[in-house]
């Protein structure tokens, strides 16, 4: 037999062997993997799983309770904090109740309460912030009812404010007047009140202007309250 015929015969035998192997593989029964049946779960792991589920449920309830309690507080506070002394007293009370350990949480609520008061009752212009008109209490109540968490309420109140603090930029469409240093006023230029009542009323107006323009309910809360107390006493004397 020639070399070429021997080569062809070998290739034929190899092809035949491959076909036989493929057919045998197809004919072989398919063996399925045995399904593993779970054993009884470890009691310790089961107990820890229950703790995880309970904690998750408690976490959801706690978050809901945190917002609900602040919402109820805000709804009750809105008509009271229209008066600045009452507002400052509320801020001081929140600080005292939360204490140093929960100071960040207290600051968060104080900031939002300040924003709610500004939105509801308006605010005169100061060195860093343009004047803001009163939008009404109903506007704030709608925001409280529409939100379901403190972060959502914080974002909503920030969007509702007409102007932002100078350090944060100014809301679009709001013009802030440049702070110009006023020329000093001499005593000879001031018309002094001629009566006790007029003098007291003038003092009240000046104190209120200083408090509203140069003091803030957040950082100067104690001083704002003291000034408001003095004004109240002076007004009583002028009556």
Protein backbone atom coordinates (compact mmCIF):
# COMPACT_ATOMS: atom_id res chain seq x y z
CA UNK A 1 0.00 0.00 0.00
CA UNK A 2 1.33 3.41 -0.96
CA UNK A 3 1.98 6.14 1.59
CA UNK A 4 -0.92 8.30 0.32
CA UNK A 5 -3.39 5.40 0.62
CA UNK A 6 -2.16 4.64 4.13
CA UNK A 7 -2.65 8.30 5.11
CA UNK A 8 -6.19 8.37 3.75
CA UNK A 9 -7.06 5.14 5.56
CA UNK A 10 -5.77 6.56 8.85
CA UNK A 11 -7.84 9.75 8.42
CA UNK A 12 -10.95 7.67 7.65
CA UNK A 13 -10.43 5.55 10.78
CA UNK A 14 -9.97 8.71 12.88
CA UNK A 15 -13.14 10.28 11.47
CA UNK A 16 -15.09 7.06 12.08
CA UNK A 17 -13.86 6.95 15.68
CA UNK A 18 -14.94 10.56 16.28
CA UNK A 19 -18.43 9.87 14.91
CA UNK A 20 -18.79 6.82 17.13
CA UNK A 21 -17.73 8.87 20.16
CA UNK A 22 -20.24 11.67 19.38
CA UNK A 23 -23.09 9.17 18.92
CA UNK A 24 -22.18 7.43 22.16
CA UNK A 25 -22.19 10.77 24.01
CA UNK A 26 -25.65 11.61 22.65
CA UNK A 27 -27.00 8.22 23.62
CA UNK A 28 -25.63 8.38 27.16
CA UNK A 29 -28.28 9.19 29.80
CA UNK A 30 -28.16 12.73 31.24
CA UNK A 31 -27.35 12.65 34.93
CA UNK A 32 -28.97 15.61 36.78
CA UNK A 33 -27.22 17.22 39.71
CA UNK A 34 -28.70 16.12 42.96
CA UNK A 35 -30.85 18.85 44.55
CA UNK A 36 -29.48 19.79 47.95
CA UNK A 37 -32.12 19.80 50.65
CA UNK A 38 -31.51 22.47 53.32
CA UNK A 39 -31.06 21.33 56.84
CA UNK A 40 -32.57 23.07 59.84
CA UNK A 41 -31.07 26.53 60.17
CA UNK A 42 -28.69 27.19 63.01
CA UNK A 43 -30.70 28.61 65.92
CA UNK A 44 -28.10 31.27 66.64
CA UNK A 45 -28.15 32.55 63.05
CA UNK A 46 -31.96 32.51 63.02
CA UNK A 47 -32.04 34.62 66.18
CA UNK A 48 -29.62 37.13 64.67
CA UNK A 49 -31.70 37.30 61.46
CA UNK A 50 -34.77 38.13 63.56
CA UNK A 51 -32.81 40.90 65.29
CA UNK A 52 -31.81 42.34 61.91
CA UNK A 53 -35.41 42.39 60.69
CA UNK A 54 -36.62 44.01 63.92
CA UNK A 55 -33.91 46.66 63.75
CA UNK A 56 -34.83 47.45 60.16
CA UNK A 57 -38.47 47.85 61.11
CA UNK A 58 -37.57 49.99 64.14
CA UNK A 59 -35.31 52.15 61.96
CA UNK A 60 -38.15 52.85 59.51
CA UNK A 61 -40.53 53.64 62.35
CA UNK A 62 -37.95 55.88 64.02
CA UNK A 63 -37.34 57.90 60.87
CA UNK A 64 -41.07 58.34 60.43
CA UNK A 65 -41.48 59.33 64.08
CA UNK A 66 -38.64 61.86 63.86
CA UNK A 67 -40.36 63.72 61.05
CA UNK A 68 -43.86 63.35 62.47
CA UNK A 69 -42.84 64.83 65.84
CA UNK A 70 -41.10 67.80 64.19
CA UNK A 71 -44.08 68.37 61.91
CA UNK A 72 -46.47 68.44 64.89
CA UNK A 73 -44.13 70.81 66.74
CA UNK A 74 -43.89 73.12 63.72
CA UNK A 75 -47.66 73.24 63.20
CA UNK A 76 -48.14 74.19 66.85
CA UNK A 77 -45.24 76.67 66.81
CA UNK A 78 -46.13 78.63 63.65
CA UNK A 79 -48.81 80.88 65.20
CA UNK A 80 -46.76 81.34 68.40
CA UNK A 81 -43.41 82.26 66.84
CA UNK A 82 -44.95 85.14 64.90
CA UNK A 83 -43.81 87.20 67.92
CA UNK A 84 -40.00 87.38 67.96
CA UNK A 85 -39.62 86.97 71.77
CA UNK A 86 -41.71 83.80 71.62
CA UNK A 87 -39.66 82.57 68.65
CA UNK A 88 -36.35 83.14 70.43
CA UNK A 89 -37.71 81.43 73.56
CA UNK A 90 -38.66 78.39 71.43
CA UNK A 91 -35.16 78.23 69.92
CA UNK A 92 -33.53 78.40 73.34
CA UNK A 93 -35.85 75.69 74.63
CA UNK A 94 -34.97 73.36 71.74
CA UNK A 95 -31.27 73.88 72.46
CA UNK A 96 -31.75 73.14 76.14
CA UNK A 97 -33.93 70.08 75.57
CA UNK A 98 -31.55 68.47 73.06
CA UNK A 99 -28.42 69.35 75.03
CA UNK A 100 -24.82 69.24 73.88
CA UNK A 101 -24.99 65.55 72.97
CA UNK A 102 -27.66 66.24 70.34
CA UNK A 103 -26.53 69.73 69.35
CA UNK A 104 -26.35 69.02 65.56
CA UNK A 105 -29.96 67.78 65.61
CA UNK A 106 -31.03 70.87 67.55
CA UNK A 107 -29.28 73.18 65.08
CA UNK A 108 -30.98 71.42 62.18
CA UNK A 109 -34.43 72.01 63.69
CA UNK A 110 -33.63 75.59 64.73
CA UNK A 111 -32.49 76.40 61.19
CA UNK A 112 -35.68 75.00 59.66
CA UNK A 113 -37.83 76.79 62.24
CA UNK A 114 -36.07 80.06 61.35
CA UNK A 115 -36.71 79.41 57.66
CA UNK A 116 -40.38 78.62 58.29
CA UNK A 117 -40.83 81.87 60.22
CA UNK A 118 -39.10 83.86 57.47
CA UNK A 119 -41.28 82.28 54.77
CA UNK A 120 -44.50 82.70 56.71
CA UNK A 121 -44.00 86.19 58.13
CA UNK A 122 -41.29 87.74 55.99
CA UNK A 123 -38.08 89.48 57.04
CA UNK A 124 -36.59 92.92 56.62
CA UNK A 125 -33.30 93.39 54.77
CA UNK A 126 -30.06 92.97 56.70
CA UNK A 127 -26.39 93.38 55.89
CA UNK A 128 -26.18 90.02 54.11
CA UNK A 129 -29.75 89.22 53.08
CA UNK A 130 -32.35 90.96 50.98
CA UNK A 131 -35.79 91.68 52.41
CA UNK A 132 -38.25 88.81 52.07
CA UNK A 133 -41.97 89.26 51.81
CA UNK A 134 -44.40 87.21 53.89
CA UNK A 135 -45.75 84.22 51.96
CA UNK A 136 -48.22 83.17 54.66
CA UNK A 137 -48.50 80.34 57.15
CA UNK A 138 -50.54 78.19 54.73
CA UNK A 139 -47.57 78.03 52.38
CA UNK A 140 -45.42 76.50 55.12
CA UNK A 141 -48.17 74.09 56.21
CA UNK A 142 -48.44 72.81 52.63
CA UNK A 143 -44.69 72.09 52.62
CA UNK A 144 -44.94 70.26 55.96
CA UNK A 145 -47.76 68.08 54.66
CA UNK A 146 -46.05 67.41 51.31
CA UNK A 147 -42.76 66.18 52.80
CA UNK A 148 -42.08 62.91 54.59
CA UNK A 149 -38.56 63.45 55.96
CA UNK A 150 -36.39 66.20 57.43
CA UNK A 151 -33.99 66.30 54.43
CA UNK A 152 -36.95 66.70 52.07
CA UNK A 153 -38.41 69.51 54.20
CA UNK A 154 -35.04 71.25 54.43
CA UNK A 155 -34.76 71.22 50.62
CA UNK A 156 -38.33 72.45 50.19
CA UNK A 157 -37.88 75.36 52.62
CA UNK A 158 -34.60 76.41 50.98
CA UNK A 159 -36.34 76.50 47.60
CA UNK A 160 -39.24 78.54 49.01
CA UNK A 161 -37.05 81.31 50.43
CA UNK A 162 -36.93 84.33 48.13
CA UNK A 163 -33.36 85.26 49.01
CA UNK A 164 -30.38 83.41 50.40
CA UNK A 165 -27.70 84.53 52.82
CA UNK A 166 -24.83 86.43 51.26
CA UNK A 167 -22.44 83.56 51.93
CA UNK A 168 -24.68 81.19 49.92
CA UNK A 169 -25.37 83.49 47.00
CA UNK A 170 -28.62 85.20 46.16
CA UNK A 171 -31.73 83.66 44.66
CA UNK A 172 -32.41 84.57 41.04
CA UNK A 173 -34.43 87.73 40.61
CA UNK A 174 -33.53 89.16 44.02
CA UNK A 175 -31.48 92.32 44.18
CA UNK A 176 -29.39 92.92 47.26
CA UNK A 177 -28.39 96.49 47.99
CA UNK A 178 -24.72 97.05 48.67
CA UNK A 179 -23.96 97.71 52.31
CA UNK A 180 -22.87 101.35 52.44
CA UNK A 181 -21.38 102.72 55.62
CA UNK A 182 -23.60 105.52 56.83
CA UNK A 183 -22.12 108.89 57.60
CA UNK A 184 -21.81 109.56 61.33
CA UNK A 185 -24.66 111.58 62.80
CA UNK A 186 -23.86 114.35 65.24
CA UNK A 187 -26.00 115.08 68.24
CA UNK A 188 -26.73 118.55 66.87
CA UNK A 189 -28.33 116.96 63.77
CA UNK A 190 -30.81 114.87 65.76
CA UNK A 191 -34.15 116.27 66.77
CA UNK A 192 -34.56 115.13 70.35
CA UNK A 193 -38.02 114.04 71.50
CA UNK A 194 -39.70 116.69 73.62
CA UNK A 195 -41.77 114.37 75.80
CA UNK A 196 -41.21 111.20 77.81
CA UNK A 197 -43.58 109.19 75.64
CA UNK A 198 -41.96 110.32 72.39
CA UNK A 199 -38.49 109.52 73.76
CA UNK A 200 -39.54 106.01 74.80
CA UNK A 201 -41.18 105.33 71.42
CA UNK A 202 -38.05 106.56 69.61
CA UNK A 203 -35.90 104.28 71.74
CA UNK A 204 -38.17 101.32 70.98
CA UNK A 205 -37.93 101.99 67.24
CA UNK A 206 -34.14 102.20 67.40
CA UNK A 207 -33.79 99.02 69.47
CA UNK A 208 -36.13 97.10 67.14
CA UNK A 209 -34.20 98.34 64.11
CA UNK A 210 -30.89 97.21 65.61
CA UNK A 211 -32.29 93.80 66.57
CA UNK A 212 -33.96 93.16 63.19
CA UNK A 213 -31.04 94.45 61.11
CA UNK A 214 -27.88 93.43 62.95
CA UNK A 215 -28.86 90.48 65.15
CA UNK A 216 -29.98 86.97 64.20
CA UNK A 217 -32.31 84.70 66.11
CA UNK A 218 -29.89 81.80 65.75
CA UNK A 219 -26.49 83.14 66.87
CA UNK A 220 -27.70 86.13 68.94
CA UNK A 221 -30.78 84.49 70.42
CA UNK A 222 -30.16 85.55 74.01
CA UNK A 223 -29.41 89.16 73.08
CA UNK A 224 -32.43 89.32 70.76
CA UNK A 225 -34.63 88.13 73.60
CA UNK A 226 -33.16 90.68 76.01
CA UNK A 227 -33.69 93.53 73.53
CA UNK A 228 -37.28 92.41 72.90
CA UNK A 229 -37.86 92.30 76.66
CA UNK A 230 -36.55 95.85 77.08
CA UNK A 231 -38.77 97.07 74.23
CA UNK A 232 -41.82 95.46 75.83
CA UNK A 233 -41.07 97.13 79.17
CA UNK A 234 -40.49 100.51 77.52
CA UNK A 235 -43.75 100.26 75.60
CA UNK A 236 -45.57 99.52 78.84
CA UNK A 237 -44.09 102.67 80.38
CA UNK A 238 -45.14 104.73 77.35
CA UNK A 239 -48.73 103.49 77.44
